Amino acid sequence: MFAVVPFACLILGYLLGSIPFGLLLTRAAGTQDLRAIGSGNIGATNVLRTGRKDLAALTLLLDALKGTAAVLIARWIAETYAGGDPLPPLFAAAGAFLGHVFPVWLKFSGGKGVATFLGCLIGLAWPAGLAFALIWLSVAFLTRYSSAAALTASALTPLVLWFLDARPASFVFLVLAAILWIKHRANIARLRAGTETKIGSKG
């Protein structure tokens, strides 16, 4: 039974994470198809390109909450059925992030995972989630690049978790951060070329 629970939570996390809130909200509001504008992905940044700041904020919130919900549900399952095993919440976090980035419903083409990464982090270790948010805000304030802020915060997250003595989580988030960086490869190229769009700029 104990061996089954982590994998069940991985699937649960994936299903929650794969809910494309950005696409669902913009469709319900009758805006442009997210996949036909901007970067073509389903995250809050692309929702903002529709001109609907309210929908972008709601997408950001829901994309984060699905990660947090996956972890908290997995923790309850672990405490109820697996003697408090710490693995199910980690599996759920990984599943939620992968579900957002590679949703089966959208031919495995999803968002870049920043909000869901943060949501999972809050569910697992809220001080690390707070550190992520502070790093993101600091880098965004200094550079005005959302992508640079996300890349920096995600890269430092495994170190924060390590110093918080959350060693298994630090390894999981090292892998998730690597995937997040791969999903941002176009942004990295634009940052290096000096052509990345700054926060508040059009386009």
Protein backbone atom coordinates (compact mmCIF):
# COMPACT_ATOMS: atom_id res chain seq x y z
CA MET A 1 0.00 0.00 0.00
CA PHE A 2 2.81 2.41 0.96
CA ALA A 3 4.47 1.87 -2.43
CA VAL A 4 1.27 2.65 -4.32
CA VAL A 5 0.42 5.92 -2.56
CA PRO A 6 3.30 8.06 -3.96
CA PHE A 7 2.51 7.05 -7.53
CA ALA A 8 -1.20 7.63 -6.98
CA CYS A 9 -0.31 11.12 -5.74
CA LEU A 10 1.91 11.66 -8.78
CA ILE A 11 -1.09 10.96 -11.02
CA LEU A 12 -3.38 13.10 -8.85
CA GLY A 13 -0.89 15.95 -9.03
CA TYR A 14 -0.55 15.60 -12.78
CA LEU A 15 -4.31 15.73 -13.32
CA LEU A 16 -4.67 18.83 -11.14
CA GLY A 17 -1.66 20.49 -12.71
CA SER A 18 -2.87 19.82 -16.23
CA ILE A 19 -6.01 21.95 -15.81
CA PRO A 20 -5.33 24.81 -18.29
CA PHE A 21 -6.89 27.65 -16.32
CA GLY A 22 -5.51 30.35 -18.61
CA LEU A 23 -7.08 28.76 -21.66
CA LEU A 24 -10.38 28.04 -19.91
CA LEU A 25 -10.71 31.56 -18.49
CA THR A 26 -9.91 33.32 -21.75
CA ARG A 27 -12.29 31.08 -23.67
CA ALA A 28 -15.05 31.78 -21.17
CA ALA A 29 -14.37 35.51 -21.51
CA GLY A 30 -14.45 35.31 -25.30
CA THR A 31 -10.93 36.67 -25.82
CA GLN A 32 -8.38 35.54 -28.39
CA ASP A 33 -7.14 31.94 -28.40
CA LEU A 34 -4.07 32.01 -26.16
CA ARG A 35 -2.25 29.55 -28.38
CA ALA A 36 -2.49 31.95 -31.34
CA ILE A 37 -0.95 35.02 -29.66
CA GLY A 38 2.35 35.96 -28.05
CA SER A 39 4.36 32.97 -26.89
CA GLY A 40 1.41 30.65 -27.51
CA ASN A 41 1.57 29.16 -24.03
CA ILE A 42 -1.24 28.99 -21.47
CA GLY A 43 0.30 30.87 -18.55
CA ALA A 44 -0.58 34.19 -16.95
CA THR A 45 2.04 36.16 -18.90
CA ASN A 46 0.40 35.22 -22.18
CA VAL A 47 -3.08 35.84 -20.76
CA LEU A 48 -1.91 39.39 -20.02
CA ARG A 49 -1.31 39.85 -23.75
CA THR A 50 -5.07 39.62 -24.31
CA GLY A 51 -5.37 42.91 -22.44
CA ARG A 52 -7.25 41.34 -19.52
CA LYS A 53 -5.22 42.01 -16.37
CA ASP A 54 -7.99 40.52 -14.24
CA LEU A 55 -7.85 37.22 -16.12
CA ALA A 56 -4.05 37.21 -15.97
CA ALA A 57 -4.13 37.69 -12.18
CA LEU A 58 -6.75 34.97 -11.77
CA THR A 59 -4.75 32.60 -13.97
CA LEU A 60 -1.65 33.24 -11.89
CA LEU A 61 -3.56 32.55 -8.69
CA LEU A 62 -5.25 29.38 -9.94
CA ASP A 63 -2.07 28.00 -11.52
CA ALA A 64 -0.34 28.43 -8.16
CA LEU A 65 -3.24 27.03 -6.14
CA LYS A 66 -3.46 23.83 -8.17
CA GLY A 67 0.12 23.09 -7.14
CA THR A 68 -0.58 23.88 -3.50
CA ALA A 69 -3.80 21.83 -3.56
CA ALA A 70 -2.01 18.81 -5.04
CA VAL A 71 0.59 18.87 -2.27
CA LEU A 72 -1.91 19.38 0.57
CA ILE A 73 -4.22 16.62 -0.68
CA ALA A 74 -1.24 14.29 -1.03
CA ARG A 75 -0.13 15.12 2.49
CA TRP A 76 -3.58 14.25 3.82
CA ILE A 77 -3.54 10.98 1.87
CA ALA A 78 -0.08 10.16 3.22
CA GLU A 79 -1.12 10.87 6.80
CA THR A 80 -4.32 8.86 6.42
CA TYR A 81 -3.13 5.87 4.42
CA ALA A 82 0.68 5.80 4.49
CA GLY A 83 1.72 6.65 8.03
CA GLY A 84 2.82 10.16 7.20
CA ASP A 85 5.24 9.10 4.45
CA PRO A 86 6.96 12.29 3.16
CA LEU A 87 7.19 11.02 -0.43
CA PRO A 88 3.55 11.45 -1.62
CA PRO A 89 3.58 15.26 -1.32
CA LEU A 90 6.86 15.37 -3.27
CA PHE A 91 5.43 13.12 -5.97
CA ALA A 92 2.29 15.28 -6.10
CA ALA A 93 4.38 18.44 -6.47
CA ALA A 94 6.35 16.92 -9.32
CA GLY A 95 3.14 15.69 -10.94
CA ALA A 96 1.42 19.07 -10.69
CA PHE A 97 4.38 20.88 -12.24
CA LEU A 98 4.70 18.34 -15.05
CA GLY A 99 0.95 18.44 -15.64
CA HIS A 100 1.05 22.21 -16.14
CA VAL A 101 4.10 22.13 -18.39
CA PHE A 102 3.11 19.00 -20.34
CA PRO A 103 -0.71 18.67 -20.21
CA VAL A 104 -2.00 15.64 -22.07
CA TRP A 105 -5.17 17.54 -23.06
CA LEU A 106 -3.13 20.09 -25.05
CA LYS A 107 -0.78 17.65 -26.76
CA PHE A 108 1.78 18.14 -23.98
CA SER A 109 2.22 21.84 -24.82
CA GLY A 110 1.53 23.86 -21.68
CA GLY A 111 2.91 26.77 -19.72
CA LYS A 112 6.38 27.46 -18.40
CA GLY A 113 5.48 26.43 -14.86
CA VAL A 114 6.52 29.41 -12.73
CA ALA A 115 3.24 29.88 -10.85
CA THR A 116 2.74 26.14 -10.33
CA PHE A 117 6.37 25.80 -9.19
CA LEU A 118 5.69 28.46 -6.55
CA GLY A 119 2.36 26.91 -5.55
CA CYS A 120 3.96 23.51 -5.00
CA LEU A 121 6.73 25.15 -3.00
CA ILE A 122 4.22 26.92 -0.74
CA GLY A 123 2.47 23.61 -0.07
CA LEU A 124 5.69 21.80 0.77
CA ALA A 125 7.69 24.46 2.61
CA TRP A 126 6.12 27.90 2.83
CA PRO A 127 9.35 29.65 3.98
CA ALA A 128 10.96 28.52 0.72
CA GLY A 129 7.92 29.80 -1.14
CA LEU A 130 8.31 33.16 0.59
CA ALA A 131 12.00 33.22 -0.34
CA PHE A 132 11.10 32.48 -3.97
CA ALA A 133 8.62 35.38 -4.02
CA LEU A 134 11.11 37.81 -2.45
CA ILE A 135 13.86 36.82 -4.88
CA TRP A 136 11.46 37.13 -7.81
CA LEU A 137 10.32 40.58 -6.70
CA SER A 138 13.89 41.79 -6.09
CA VAL A 139 15.20 40.65 -9.47
CA ALA A 140 12.09 41.90 -11.28
CA PHE A 141 12.46 45.31 -9.60
CA LEU A 142 16.15 45.58 -10.50
CA THR A 143 15.98 44.26 -14.07
CA ARG A 144 12.31 44.61 -15.08
CA TYR A 145 12.59 41.17 -16.66
CA SER A 146 9.96 38.68 -15.49
CA SER A 147 11.86 35.80 -17.06
CA ALA A 148 15.13 36.74 -15.33
CA ALA A 149 13.29 36.92 -12.01
CA ALA A 150 11.76 33.46 -12.51
CA LEU A 151 15.04 31.92 -13.62
CA THR A 152 16.96 33.35 -10.67
CA ALA A 153 14.32 32.42 -8.08
CA SER A 154 13.96 28.87 -9.39
CA ALA A 155 17.73 28.35 -9.53
CA LEU A 156 18.11 29.40 -5.89
CA THR A 157 15.14 27.37 -4.64
CA PRO A 158 17.03 24.05 -4.23
CA LEU A 159 19.67 25.86 -2.14
CA VAL A 160 16.98 27.47 0.03
CA LEU A 161 15.34 24.08 0.60
CA TRP A 162 18.72 22.54 1.41
CA PHE A 163 19.43 25.15 4.08
CA LEU A 164 15.92 24.62 5.46
CA ASP A 165 16.91 20.96 5.90
CA ALA A 166 14.34 19.85 3.31
CA ARG A 167 16.90 17.73 1.47
CA PRO A 168 14.57 15.42 -0.54
CA ALA A 169 12.55 18.45 -1.68
CA SER A 170 15.74 20.23 -2.73
CA PHE A 171 16.56 17.41 -5.15
CA VAL A 172 13.01 17.35 -6.54
CA PHE A 173 13.02 21.10 -7.10
CA LEU A 174 16.46 20.94 -8.68
CA VAL A 175 14.92 18.76 -11.39
CA LEU A 176 11.83 20.97 -11.68
CA ALA A 177 14.02 24.08 -11.92
CA ALA A 178 16.01 22.45 -14.73
CA ILE A 179 12.78 21.80 -16.65
CA LEU A 180 11.64 25.38 -15.99
CA TRP A 181 14.92 26.66 -17.42
CA ILE A 182 14.51 24.47 -20.52
CA LYS A 183 11.02 25.87 -21.02
CA HIS A 184 12.52 29.37 -20.81
CA ARG A 185 15.24 28.70 -23.39
CA ALA A 186 13.78 31.24 -25.84
CA ASN A 187 13.67 33.84 -23.06
CA ILE A 188 17.28 33.07 -22.16
CA ALA A 189 18.32 33.61 -25.77
CA ARG A 190 16.49 36.95 -25.84
CA LEU A 191 18.04 37.99 -22.51
CA ARG A 192 21.49 37.28 -23.89
CA ALA A 193 20.66 39.22 -27.07
CA GLY A 194 19.15 42.12 -25.12
CA THR A 195 15.81 41.74 -26.88
CA GLU A 196 13.70 40.34 -24.04
CA THR A 197 10.51 42.31 -23.32
CA LYS A 198 10.57 44.16 -20.02
CA ILE A 199 7.75 44.24 -17.49
CA GLY A 200 5.30 46.97 -18.44
CA SER A 201 6.45 47.10 -22.06
CA LYS A 202 4.10 46.29 -24.90
CA GLY A 203 4.74 43.33 -27.16
